[in-house]
Protein backbone atom coordinates (compact mmCIF):
# COMPACT_ATOMS: atom_id res chain seq x y z
CA MET A 1 56.84 -24.41 44.55
CA ASP A 2 57.32 -27.91 46.03
CA PRO A 3 55.48 -28.13 49.41
CA ASN A 4 58.36 -30.14 50.90
CA ALA A 5 60.94 -27.51 49.76
CA GLU A 6 58.77 -24.72 51.11
CA GLU A 7 58.44 -26.54 54.41
CA LYS A 8 62.21 -27.01 54.57
CA ALA A 9 62.86 -23.35 53.86
CA ARG A 10 60.39 -22.34 56.56
CA ARG A 11 62.07 -24.59 59.06
CA VAL A 12 65.52 -23.19 58.11
CA ARG A 13 64.31 -19.62 58.61
CA SER A 14 62.75 -20.57 61.92
CA LEU A 15 65.88 -22.24 63.20
CA LEU A 16 68.14 -19.39 62.13
CA SER A 17 65.77 -16.87 63.67
CA SER A 18 65.71 -18.72 66.96
CA TYR A 19 69.52 -19.09 66.87
CA TYR A 20 70.05 -15.30 66.43
CA GLY A 21 67.54 -14.19 69.03
CA GLY A 22 64.30 -14.22 67.10
CA GLY A 23 61.01 -15.36 68.58
CA VAL A 24 61.63 -13.77 71.98
CA GLY A 25 58.53 -13.52 74.12
CA GLY A 26 56.78 -16.73 72.97
CA PRO A 27 56.09 -18.39 69.63
CA SER A 28 54.67 -16.33 66.78
CA PRO A 29 51.64 -17.48 64.73
CA LYS A 30 54.02 -18.84 62.04
CA THR A 31 56.04 -20.76 64.69
CA ALA A 32 52.87 -22.23 66.12
CA SER A 33 52.06 -23.84 62.73
CA LEU A 34 55.45 -25.56 62.45
CA PRO A 35 55.99 -29.18 63.44
CA ALA A 36 56.75 -29.87 67.07
CA ILE A 37 60.45 -30.47 66.26
CA ASP A 38 60.88 -26.77 65.33
CA ARG A 39 59.33 -25.34 68.47
CA ASP A 40 60.94 -24.18 71.68
CA GLY A 41 61.16 -26.75 74.45
CA PHE A 42 61.26 -29.67 72.02
CA ASP A 43 61.44 -33.05 73.80
CA HIS A 44 63.55 -35.24 71.55
CA ASP A 45 63.10 -38.41 73.64
CA ALA A 46 59.32 -38.18 73.49
CA TYR A 47 59.48 -37.36 69.78
CA VAL A 48 61.66 -40.42 69.03
CA THR A 49 59.47 -42.69 71.17
CA GLN A 50 56.30 -41.45 69.47
CA SER A 51 57.81 -41.72 66.01
CA VAL A 52 59.02 -45.29 66.58
CA ARG A 53 55.65 -46.27 67.98
CA ASP A 54 53.34 -44.59 65.47
CA VAL A 55 55.30 -44.15 62.22
CA PRO A 56 55.87 -46.97 59.75
CA LEU A 57 59.43 -48.03 59.09
CA ALA A 58 59.53 -46.78 55.50
CA GLU A 59 58.26 -43.32 56.49
CA LEU A 60 60.63 -43.30 59.45
CA GLN A 61 63.55 -43.99 57.12
CA ALA A 62 62.36 -41.23 54.77
CA ARG A 63 62.16 -38.84 57.69
CA CYS A 64 65.67 -39.75 58.73
CA VAL A 65 67.04 -39.07 55.24
CA SER A 66 65.09 -35.81 55.02
CA MET A 67 66.30 -34.64 58.42
CA ALA A 68 69.92 -35.49 57.48
CA GLY A 69 69.57 -33.35 54.36
CA GLU A 70 68.03 -30.51 56.37
CA ILE A 71 70.83 -30.73 58.93
CA LYS A 72 73.41 -30.55 56.15
CA GLN A 73 71.63 -27.58 54.57
CA LEU A 74 71.34 -25.79 57.91
CA ASP A 75 74.97 -26.45 58.61
CA GLY A 76 75.90 -24.92 55.25
CA ASP A 77 73.67 -21.90 55.89
CA MET A 78 75.21 -21.42 59.33
CA GLN A 79 78.71 -21.57 57.86
CA MET A 80 77.74 -19.02 55.18
CA LEU A 81 76.37 -16.66 57.82
CA VAL A 82 79.47 -17.04 59.92
CA TYR A 83 81.67 -16.37 56.88
CA GLU A 84 79.69 -13.27 55.89
CA ASN A 85 79.75 -11.88 59.42
CA TYR A 86 83.45 -12.64 59.70
CA SER A 87 84.15 -10.78 56.43
CA LYS A 88 82.17 -7.79 57.73
CA PHE A 89 84.10 -7.98 60.98
CA ILE A 90 87.41 -7.96 59.08
CA VAL A 91 86.31 -4.95 57.02
CA ALA A 92 85.17 -3.13 60.15
CA THR A 93 88.48 -3.93 61.87
CA ASP A 94 90.48 -2.60 58.91
CA THR A 95 88.32 0.54 58.87
CA VAL A 96 88.92 1.12 62.58
CA LYS A 97 92.68 0.62 62.12
CA GLU A 98 92.69 3.10 59.24
CA MET A 99 90.71 5.62 61.30
CA ARG A 100 93.13 5.23 64.19
CA SER A 101 96.06 5.78 61.82
CA ASN A 102 94.42 8.89 60.37
CA VAL A 103 93.62 10.22 63.83
CA ALA A 104 97.21 9.63 64.92
CA THR A 105 98.48 11.48 61.83
CA ILE A 106 96.11 14.39 62.50
CA GLU A 107 97.16 14.51 66.15
CA SER A 108 100.83 14.60 65.19
CA ARG A 109 100.18 17.42 62.71
CA VAL A 110 98.17 19.32 65.29
CA ASP A 111 101.04 18.93 67.74
CA GLU A 112 103.47 20.24 65.11
CA LEU A 113 101.19 23.19 64.35
CA THR A 114 100.82 23.95 68.06
CA ALA A 115 104.59 23.88 68.49
CA SER A 116 105.02 26.16 65.48
CA VAL A 117 102.44 28.63 66.81
CA ASP A 118 104.07 28.60 70.23
CA GLY A 119 107.47 29.25 68.64
CA THR A 120 106.07 32.14 66.59
CA ALA A 121 104.43 33.64 69.68
CA ALA A 122 107.69 33.33 71.62
CA LYS A 123 109.62 35.07 68.82
CA ALA A 124 107.00 37.83 68.66
CA ASP A 125 107.26 38.35 72.42
CA ALA A 126 111.06 38.53 72.13
CA VAL A 127 110.82 41.12 69.33
CA ASN A 128 108.33 43.20 71.33
CA LEU A 129 110.61 43.00 74.35
CA LYS A 130 113.61 44.21 72.34
CA LEU A 131 111.63 47.01 70.70
CA SER A 132 110.00 48.18 73.92
CA SER A 133 113.31 49.53 75.21
CA HIS A 134 113.80 51.61 72.05
CA ARG A 135 110.15 52.58 71.49
CA GLU A 136 110.37 55.85 73.41
CA GLN A 137 113.60 56.74 71.64
CA ILE A 138 111.98 55.99 68.26
CA GLU A 139 108.99 58.17 69.14
CA GLN A 140 111.30 61.00 70.16
CA LEU A 141 113.25 60.67 66.91
CA ASN A 142 110.01 60.75 64.94
CA GLY A 143 109.02 63.93 66.76
CA VAL A 144 112.41 65.50 66.03
CA ARG A 145 112.11 64.49 62.38
CA ALA A 146 108.68 66.10 62.09
CA LEU A 147 110.01 69.28 63.74
CA ILE A 148 113.00 69.35 61.36
CA LYS A 149 110.62 69.09 58.40
CA LYS A 150 108.63 72.03 59.73
CA LEU A 151 111.77 74.06 60.34
CA GLN A 152 113.02 73.24 56.85
CA ALA A 153 109.70 74.49 55.51
CA VAL A 154 110.28 77.73 57.45
CA PHE A 155 113.76 78.11 55.92
CA ASP A 156 112.22 77.66 52.47
CA LEU A 157 109.40 80.09 53.22
CA PRO A 158 111.11 83.37 52.10
CA ALA A 159 111.78 81.98 48.62
CA LYS A 160 108.20 80.71 48.37
CA LEU A 161 106.80 84.08 49.44
CA ARG A 162 108.93 85.96 46.89
CA THR A 163 107.86 83.56 44.14
CA CYS A 164 104.20 84.04 45.06
CA ALA A 165 104.66 87.84 45.06
CA GLU A 166 106.29 87.74 41.62
CA THR A 167 103.66 85.45 40.10
CA GLY A 168 100.70 87.21 41.69
CA ALA A 169 99.69 84.23 43.88
CA LEU A 170 99.05 86.54 46.82
CA ALA A 171 96.43 84.36 48.50
CA LEU A 172 98.84 81.39 48.49
CA ALA A 173 101.55 83.59 50.01
CA VAL A 174 99.20 84.59 52.83
CA ARG A 175 98.34 80.91 53.45
CA TYR A 176 102.06 79.97 53.63
CA TYR A 177 102.83 82.77 56.04
CA VAL A 178 99.87 82.05 58.33
CA GLY A 179 100.82 78.33 58.43
CA ALA A 180 104.38 79.13 59.51
CA GLY A 181 103.27 81.81 61.96
CA PRO A 182 103.53 79.67 65.16
CA LEU A 183 107.09 78.55 64.36
CA LEU A 184 108.19 82.08 63.43
CA ALA A 185 106.71 83.40 66.66
CA LYS A 186 108.49 80.68 68.69
CA TYR A 187 111.92 80.58 67.00
CA GLY A 188 112.01 83.87 65.08
CA ASP A 189 114.20 85.61 67.63
CA ALA A 190 116.83 82.85 67.94
CA GLY A 191 119.88 82.12 65.82
CA ALA A 192 119.44 81.75 62.08
CA PHE A 193 115.69 82.20 62.37
CA VAL A 194 116.17 85.92 62.87
CA GLY A 195 117.27 86.34 59.26
CA VAL A 196 114.53 83.99 58.04
CA LYS A 197 111.85 85.96 59.88
CA ARG A 198 113.23 89.27 58.46
CA GLU A 199 113.18 87.91 54.90
CA CYS A 200 109.64 86.62 55.42
CA ASP A 201 108.52 90.01 56.73
CA ASP A 202 110.13 91.77 53.76
CA ALA A 203 108.48 89.40 51.31
CA MET A 204 105.14 89.82 53.05
CA GLY A 205 105.65 93.62 52.87
CA THR A 206 105.82 93.28 49.08
CA VAL A 207 102.76 91.02 49.15
CA GLU A 208 100.93 93.56 51.31
CA GLU A 209 101.80 96.41 48.93
CA LYS A 210 100.50 94.42 46.00
CA LEU A 211 97.35 93.53 47.89
CA ARG A 212 96.79 97.21 48.75
CA ALA A 213 97.45 98.18 45.13
CA GLY A 214 95.03 95.51 44.04
CA PHE A 215 92.41 96.73 46.45
CA HIS A 216 92.99 100.31 45.26
CA ASP A 217 92.73 99.28 41.61
CA ALA A 218 89.60 97.29 42.37
CA ALA A 219 88.07 100.25 44.21
CA ALA A 220 89.00 102.61 41.34
CA ALA A 221 87.55 100.23 38.82
CA ALA A 222 84.39 99.96 40.88
CA GLY A 223 84.15 103.78 41.07
CA THR A 224 84.63 104.05 37.34
CA ARG A 225 81.89 101.51 36.75
CA ARG A 226 79.56 103.36 39.10
CA ARG A 227 80.34 106.70 37.37
CA ARG A 228 79.72 105.19 33.96
CA ARG A 229 76.43 103.70 35.09
CA ARG A 230 75.40 107.08 36.54
CA GLU A 231 76.35 108.89 33.34
CA MET A 232 74.44 106.36 31.27
CA HIS A 233 71.43 106.76 33.54
CA GLU A 234 71.61 110.59 33.23
CA LYS A 235 71.86 110.39 29.46
CA ALA A 236 68.89 108.04 29.36
CA SER A 237 66.92 110.46 31.55
CA GLU A 238 67.82 113.41 29.31
CA LYS A 239 66.75 111.51 26.21
CA ALA A 240 63.48 110.56 27.88
CA SER A 241 62.88 114.23 28.83
CA GLU A 242 63.62 115.41 25.29
CA LYS A 243 61.23 112.87 23.83
CA ALA A 244 58.55 113.93 26.31
CA SER A 245 59.06 117.63 25.39
CA GLU A 246 58.85 116.85 21.66
CA LYS A 247 55.61 114.94 22.11
CA ALA A 248 54.16 117.82 24.19
CA SER A 249 55.08 120.43 21.55
CA GLU A 250 53.60 118.26 18.78
CA LYS A 251 50.32 118.05 20.62
CA ALA A 252 50.25 121.83 21.18
């Protein structure tokens, strides 16, 4: 690389660094090696006086031309830096404007959502307020409905018991009757329930007779089985005795 070009580039970097805050706290080793014109605290009057006194005219003219070129180059570099920083500033400004617009949009949507939630909560409170006055009545009606279902089951109970008695589902008949026992005990002596309770008792009488007959048949069958087992055991004992007698007579 050309020494003069390298020297110019070093001087440009030094000047730009000093312009943007570089070199704070005293000159660096690189700055110390630069010509006196590139250092802090440069005395231009002394430099001109010394140059006029010590430098030949031809070299002085060459220095003037060189310095004019360097000034033009530095001016161009400074303009380029300003342009680049300005472009970055414009981009940053546009980004900030876009962010502000997005934030404003989000805030407006959040406000709309908050208003919607508040409206929903208000409607829910109004519905709860309207229902609260009828809640006890609704609970009472539900209780009456459940009681009516139970009473309807009691009215249907005689037919169910007769069907169970006819089909032999005696255990199911007993379960139905026991389940309806509290209602029959409470309402069985009032109004139409008198007839229902009488029919249930009649049907359960039939169920009871069949249960007793079943128990009797089961007991008879059990007795028969025991008698047969005893007879079989006696026959086996007799056969064993006969065989023992035969063996004893054969030995004699």
